């Protein structure tokens, strides 16, 4: 909620996200890079629950 308020002070309404999802940490591959496939699956799983 605090993040949304701060962003609304800085960004135009069109640039504000409709929804925020909190995750404990970004999934990483063995190389240390962000694992976007797993991240996408995590977000889809969270969205399915809502």
PDB file of N, CA and C in Angstrom:
ATOM      1  N   UNK A   1       0.834  -1.187   0.000  1.00  0.00           N
ATOM      2  CA  UNK A   1       0.000   0.000   0.000  1.00  0.00           C
ATOM      3  C   UNK A   1       0.882   1.255   0.000  1.00  0.00           C
ATOM      4  N   UNK A   2       1.924   1.227   0.791  1.00  0.00           N
ATOM      5  CA  UNK A   2       2.851   2.360   0.839  1.00  0.00           C
ATOM      6  C   UNK A   2       3.554   2.544  -0.508  1.00  0.00           C
ATOM      7  N   UNK A   3       3.917   1.435  -1.133  1.00  0.00           N
ATOM      8  CA  UNK A   3       4.557   1.497  -2.446  1.00  0.00           C
ATOM      9  C   UNK A   3       3.616   2.123  -3.469  1.00  0.00           C
ATOM     10  N   UNK A   4       2.355   1.713  -3.463  1.00  0.00           N
ATOM     11  CA  UNK A   4       1.377   2.265  -4.391  1.00  0.00           C
ATOM     12  C   UNK A   4       1.206   3.756  -4.222  1.00  0.00           C
ATOM     13  N   UNK A   5       1.202   4.204  -2.987  1.00  0.00           N
ATOM     14  CA  UNK A   5       1.058   5.637  -2.719  1.00  0.00           C
ATOM     15  C   UNK A   5       2.256   6.406  -3.271  1.00  0.00           C
ATOM     16  N   UNK A   6       3.451   5.886  -3.016  1.00  0.00           N
ATOM     17  CA  UNK A   6       4.664   6.552  -3.491  1.00  0.00           C
ATOM     18  C   UNK A   6       4.706   6.589  -5.019  1.00  0.00           C
ATOM     19  N   UNK A   7       4.370   5.474  -5.642  1.00  0.00           N
ATOM     20  CA  UNK A   7       4.375   5.440  -7.103  1.00  0.00           C
ATOM     21  C   UNK A   7       3.349   6.397  -7.690  1.00  0.00           C
ATOM     22  N   UNK A   8       2.188   6.504  -7.049  1.00  0.00           N
ATOM     23  CA  UNK A   8       1.146   7.395  -7.567  1.00  0.00           C
ATOM     24  C   UNK A   8       1.567   8.862  -7.494  1.00  0.00           C
ATOM     25  N   UNK A   9       2.500   9.165  -6.603  1.00  0.00           N
ATOM     26  CA  UNK A   9       3.024  10.529  -6.520  1.00  0.00           C
ATOM     27  C   UNK A   9       4.020  10.818  -7.643  1.00  0.00           C
ATOM     28  N   UNK A  10       4.648   9.766  -8.164  1.00  0.00           N
ATOM     29  CA  UNK A  10       5.720   9.931  -9.144  1.00  0.00           C
ATOM     30  C   UNK A  10       5.304   9.618 -10.582  1.00  0.00           C
ATOM     31  N   UNK A  11       4.334   8.735 -10.760  1.00  0.00           N
ATOM     32  CA  UNK A  11       3.983   8.255 -12.091  1.00  0.00           C
ATOM     33  C   UNK A  11       2.577   8.670 -12.500  1.00  0.00           C
ATOM     34  N   UNK A  12       2.334   8.786 -13.795  1.00  0.00           N
ATOM     35  CA  UNK A  12       0.961   9.035 -14.245  1.00  0.00           C
ATOM     36  C   UNK A  12       0.111   7.782 -14.026  1.00  0.00           C
ATOM     37  N   UNK A  13      -1.197   7.952 -13.926  1.00  0.00           N
ATOM     38  CA  UNK A  13      -2.100   6.830 -13.657  1.00  0.00           C
ATOM     39  C   UNK A  13      -1.940   5.688 -14.651  1.00  0.00           C
ATOM     40  N   UNK A  14      -1.683   6.008 -15.904  1.00  0.00           N
ATOM     41  CA  UNK A  14      -1.531   4.959 -16.914  1.00  0.00           C
ATOM     42  C   UNK A  14      -0.338   4.051 -16.640  1.00  0.00           C
ATOM     43  N   UNK A  15       0.657   4.544 -15.932  1.00  0.00           N
ATOM     44  CA  UNK A  15       1.864   3.772 -15.665  1.00  0.00           C
ATOM     45  C   UNK A  15       1.789   2.974 -14.367  1.00  0.00           C
ATOM     46  N   UNK A  16       0.732   3.143 -13.593  1.00  0.00           N
ATOM     47  CA  UNK A  16       0.613   2.449 -12.313  1.00  0.00           C
ATOM     48  C   UNK A  16       0.104   1.029 -12.511  1.00  0.00           C
ATOM     49  N   UNK A  17       0.705   0.062 -11.828  1.00  0.00           N
ATOM     50  CA  UNK A  17       0.204  -1.308 -11.926  1.00  0.00           C
ATOM     51  C   UNK A  17      -1.171  -1.427 -11.272  1.00  0.00           C
ATOM     52  N   UNK A  18      -1.992  -2.324 -11.800  1.00  0.00           N
ATOM     53  CA  UNK A  18      -3.311  -2.566 -11.217  1.00  0.00           C
ATOM     54  C   UNK A  18      -3.207  -3.467  -9.993  1.00  0.00           C
ATOM     55  N   UNK A  19      -2.159  -4.284  -9.966  1.00  0.00           N
ATOM     56  CA  UNK A  19      -2.009  -5.264  -8.898  1.00  0.00           C
ATOM     57  C   UNK A  19      -0.530  -5.408  -8.543  1.00  0.00           C
ATOM     58  N   UNK A  20      -0.254  -5.615  -7.287  1.00  0.00           N
ATOM     59  CA  UNK A  20       1.106  -5.862  -6.808  1.00  0.00           C
ATOM     60  C   UNK A  20       1.153  -7.277  -6.253  1.00  0.00           C
ATOM     61  N   UNK A  21       2.221  -7.989  -6.547  1.00  0.00           N
ATOM     62  CA  UNK A  21       2.403  -9.339  -6.030  1.00  0.00           C
ATOM     63  C   UNK A  21       3.721  -9.363  -5.270  1.00  0.00           C
ATOM     64  N   UNK A  22       3.657  -9.813  -4.040  1.00  0.00           N
ATOM     65  CA  UNK A  22       4.854  -9.908  -3.215  1.00  0.00           C
ATOM     66  C   UNK A  22       5.380 -11.339  -3.263  1.00  0.00           C
ATOM     67  N   UNK A  23       6.651 -11.477  -3.570  1.00  0.00           N
ATOM     68  CA  UNK A  23       7.283 -12.790  -3.540  1.00  0.00           C
ATOM     69  C   UNK A  23       8.493 -12.692  -2.616  1.00  0.00           C
ATOM     70  N   UNK A  24       8.837 -13.789  -1.952  1.00  0.00           N
ATOM     71  CA  UNK A  24       9.939 -13.725  -0.981  1.00  0.00           C
ATOM     72  C   UNK A  24      11.289 -13.398  -1.618  1.00  0.00           C
ATOM     73  N   UNK A  25      11.548 -13.947  -2.799  1.00  0.00           N
ATOM     74  CA  UNK A  25      12.789 -13.647  -3.512  1.00  0.00           C
ATOM     75  C   UNK A  25      12.643 -14.100  -4.959  1.00  0.00           C
ATOM     76  N   UNK A  26      13.462 -13.542  -5.825  1.00  0.00           N
ATOM     77  CA  UNK A  26      13.434 -13.944  -7.219  1.00  0.00           C
ATOM     78  C   UNK A  26      14.102 -15.310  -7.355  1.00  0.00           C
ATOM     79  N   UNK A  27      13.493 -16.221  -8.101  1.00  0.00           N
ATOM     80  CA  UNK A  27      14.143 -17.516  -8.318  1.00  0.00           C
ATOM     81  C   UNK A  27      15.392 -17.331  -9.177  1.00  0.00           C
ATOM     82  N   UNK A  28      16.415 -18.087  -8.866  1.00  0.00           N
ATOM     83  CA  UNK A  28      17.692 -17.972  -9.582  1.00  0.00           C
ATOM     84  C   UNK A  28      18.061 -19.301 -10.232  1.00  0.00           C
ATOM     85  N   UNK A  29      18.747 -19.196 -11.358  1.00  0.00           N
ATOM     86  CA  UNK A  29      19.302 -20.371 -12.014  1.00  0.00           C
ATOM     87  C   UNK A  29      20.659 -20.645 -11.372  1.00  0.00           C
ATOM     88  N   UNK A  30      21.266 -21.753 -11.740  1.00  0.00           N
ATOM     89  CA  UNK A  30      22.570 -22.102 -11.192  1.00  0.00           C
ATOM     90  C   UNK A  30      23.620 -21.036 -11.429  1.00  0.00           C
ATOM     91  N   UNK A  31      23.467 -20.281 -12.513  1.00  0.00           N
ATOM     92  CA  UNK A  31      24.435 -19.234 -12.850  1.00  0.00           C
ATOM     93  C   UNK A  31      24.229 -17.966 -12.030  1.00  0.00           C
ATOM     94  N   UNK A  32      23.121 -17.922 -11.268  1.00  0.00           N
ATOM     95  CA  UNK A  32      22.825 -16.736 -10.478  1.00  0.00           C
ATOM     96  C   UNK A  32      21.896 -15.757 -11.181  1.00  0.00           C
ATOM     97  N   UNK A  33      21.608 -16.020 -12.453  1.00  0.00           N
ATOM     98  CA  UNK A  33      20.687 -15.160 -13.193  1.00  0.00           C
ATOM     99  C   UNK A  33      19.255 -15.444 -12.758  1.00  0.00           C
ATOM    100  N   UNK A  34      18.379 -14.471 -12.955  1.00  0.00           N
ATOM    101  CA  UNK A  34      16.970 -14.648 -12.623  1.00  0.00           C
ATOM    102  C   UNK A  34      16.365 -15.709 -13.532  1.00  0.00           C
ATOM    103  N   UNK A  35      15.635 -16.648 -12.939  1.00  0.00           N
ATOM    104  CA  UNK A  35      14.947 -17.701 -13.684  1.00  0.00           C
ATOM    105  C   UNK A  35      13.545 -17.195 -14.022  1.00  0.00           C
ATOM    106  N   UNK A  36      13.415 -16.590 -15.193  1.00  0.00           N
ATOM    107  CA  UNK A  36      12.152 -15.961 -15.578  1.00  0.00           C
ATOM    108  C   UNK A  36      11.042 -16.981 -15.810  1.00  0.00           C
ATOM    109  N   UNK A  37      11.376 -18.173 -16.247  1.00  0.00           N
ATOM    110  CA  UNK A  37      10.349 -19.203 -16.448  1.00  0.00           C
ATOM    111  C   UNK A  37       9.708 -19.566 -15.108  1.00  0.00           C
ATOM    112  N   UNK A  38      10.525 -19.803 -14.099  1.00  0.00           N
ATOM    113  CA  UNK A  38      10.001 -20.120 -12.772  1.00  0.00           C
ATOM    114  C   UNK A  38       9.264 -18.929 -12.185  1.00  0.00           C
ATOM    115  N   UNK A  39       9.778 -17.738 -12.383  1.00  0.00           N
ATOM    116  CA  UNK A  39       9.123 -16.528 -11.893  1.00  0.00           C
ATOM    117  C   UNK A  39       7.730 -16.392 -12.511  1.00  0.00           C
ATOM    118  N   UNK A  40       7.631 -16.623 -13.812  1.00  0.00           N
ATOM    119  CA  UNK A  40       6.333 -16.558 -14.492  1.00  0.00           C
ATOM    120  C   UNK A  40       5.376 -17.590 -13.917  1.00  0.00           C
ATOM    121  N   UNK A  41       5.859 -18.816 -13.688  1.00  0.00           N
ATOM    122  CA  UNK A  41       5.012 -19.863 -13.104  1.00  0.00           C
ATOM    123  C   UNK A  41       4.550 -19.482 -11.701  1.00  0.00           C
ATOM    124  N   UNK A  42       5.429 -18.869 -10.922  1.00  0.00           N
ATOM    125  CA  UNK A  42       5.066 -18.439  -9.564  1.00  0.00           C
ATOM    126  C   UNK A  42       3.940 -17.409  -9.612  1.00  0.00           C
ATOM    127  N   UNK A  43       4.075 -16.435 -10.488  1.00  0.00           N
ATOM    128  CA  UNK A  43       3.073 -15.374 -10.595  1.00  0.00           C
ATOM    129  C   UNK A  43       1.748 -15.953 -11.067  1.00  0.00           C
ATOM    130  N   UNK A  44       1.791 -16.845 -12.036  1.00  0.00           N
ATOM    131  CA  UNK A  44       0.550 -17.481 -12.509  1.00  0.00           C
ATOM    132  C   UNK A  44      -0.119 -18.260 -11.385  1.00  0.00           C
ATOM    133  N   UNK A  45       0.664 -18.957 -10.576  1.00  0.00           N
ATOM    134  CA  UNK A  45       0.115 -19.709  -9.455  1.00  0.00           C
ATOM    135  C   UNK A  45      -0.550 -18.804  -8.436  1.00  0.00           C
ATOM    136  N   UNK A  46       0.055 -17.665  -8.169  1.00  0.00           N
ATOM    137  CA  UNK A  46      -0.516 -16.700  -7.221  1.00  0.00           C
ATOM    138  C   UNK A  46      -1.796 -16.108  -7.797  1.00  0.00           C
ATOM    139  N   UNK A  47      -1.781 -15.779  -9.086  1.00  0.00           N
ATOM    140  CA  UNK A  47      -2.970 -15.195  -9.719  1.00  0.00           C
ATOM    141  C   UNK A  47      -4.127 -16.183  -9.738  1.00  0.00           C
ATOM    142  N   UNK A  48      -3.833 -17.470  -9.914  1.00  0.00           N
ATOM    143  CA  UNK A  48      -4.882 -18.489  -9.929  1.00  0.00           C
ATOM    144  C   UNK A  48      -5.579 -18.597  -8.582  1.00  0.00           C
ATOM    145  N   UNK A  49      -4.864 -18.301  -7.508  1.00  0.00           N
ATOM    146  CA  UNK A  49      -5.432 -18.389  -6.156  1.00  0.00           C
ATOM    147  C   UNK A  49      -6.314 -17.198  -5.819  1.00  0.00           C
ATOM    148  N   UNK A  50      -6.144 -16.088  -6.547  1.00  0.00           N
ATOM    149  CA  UNK A  50      -6.924 -14.882  -6.232  1.00  0.00           C
ATOM    150  C   UNK A  50      -8.189 -14.804  -7.033  1.00  0.00           C
TER     151      UNK A  50
END
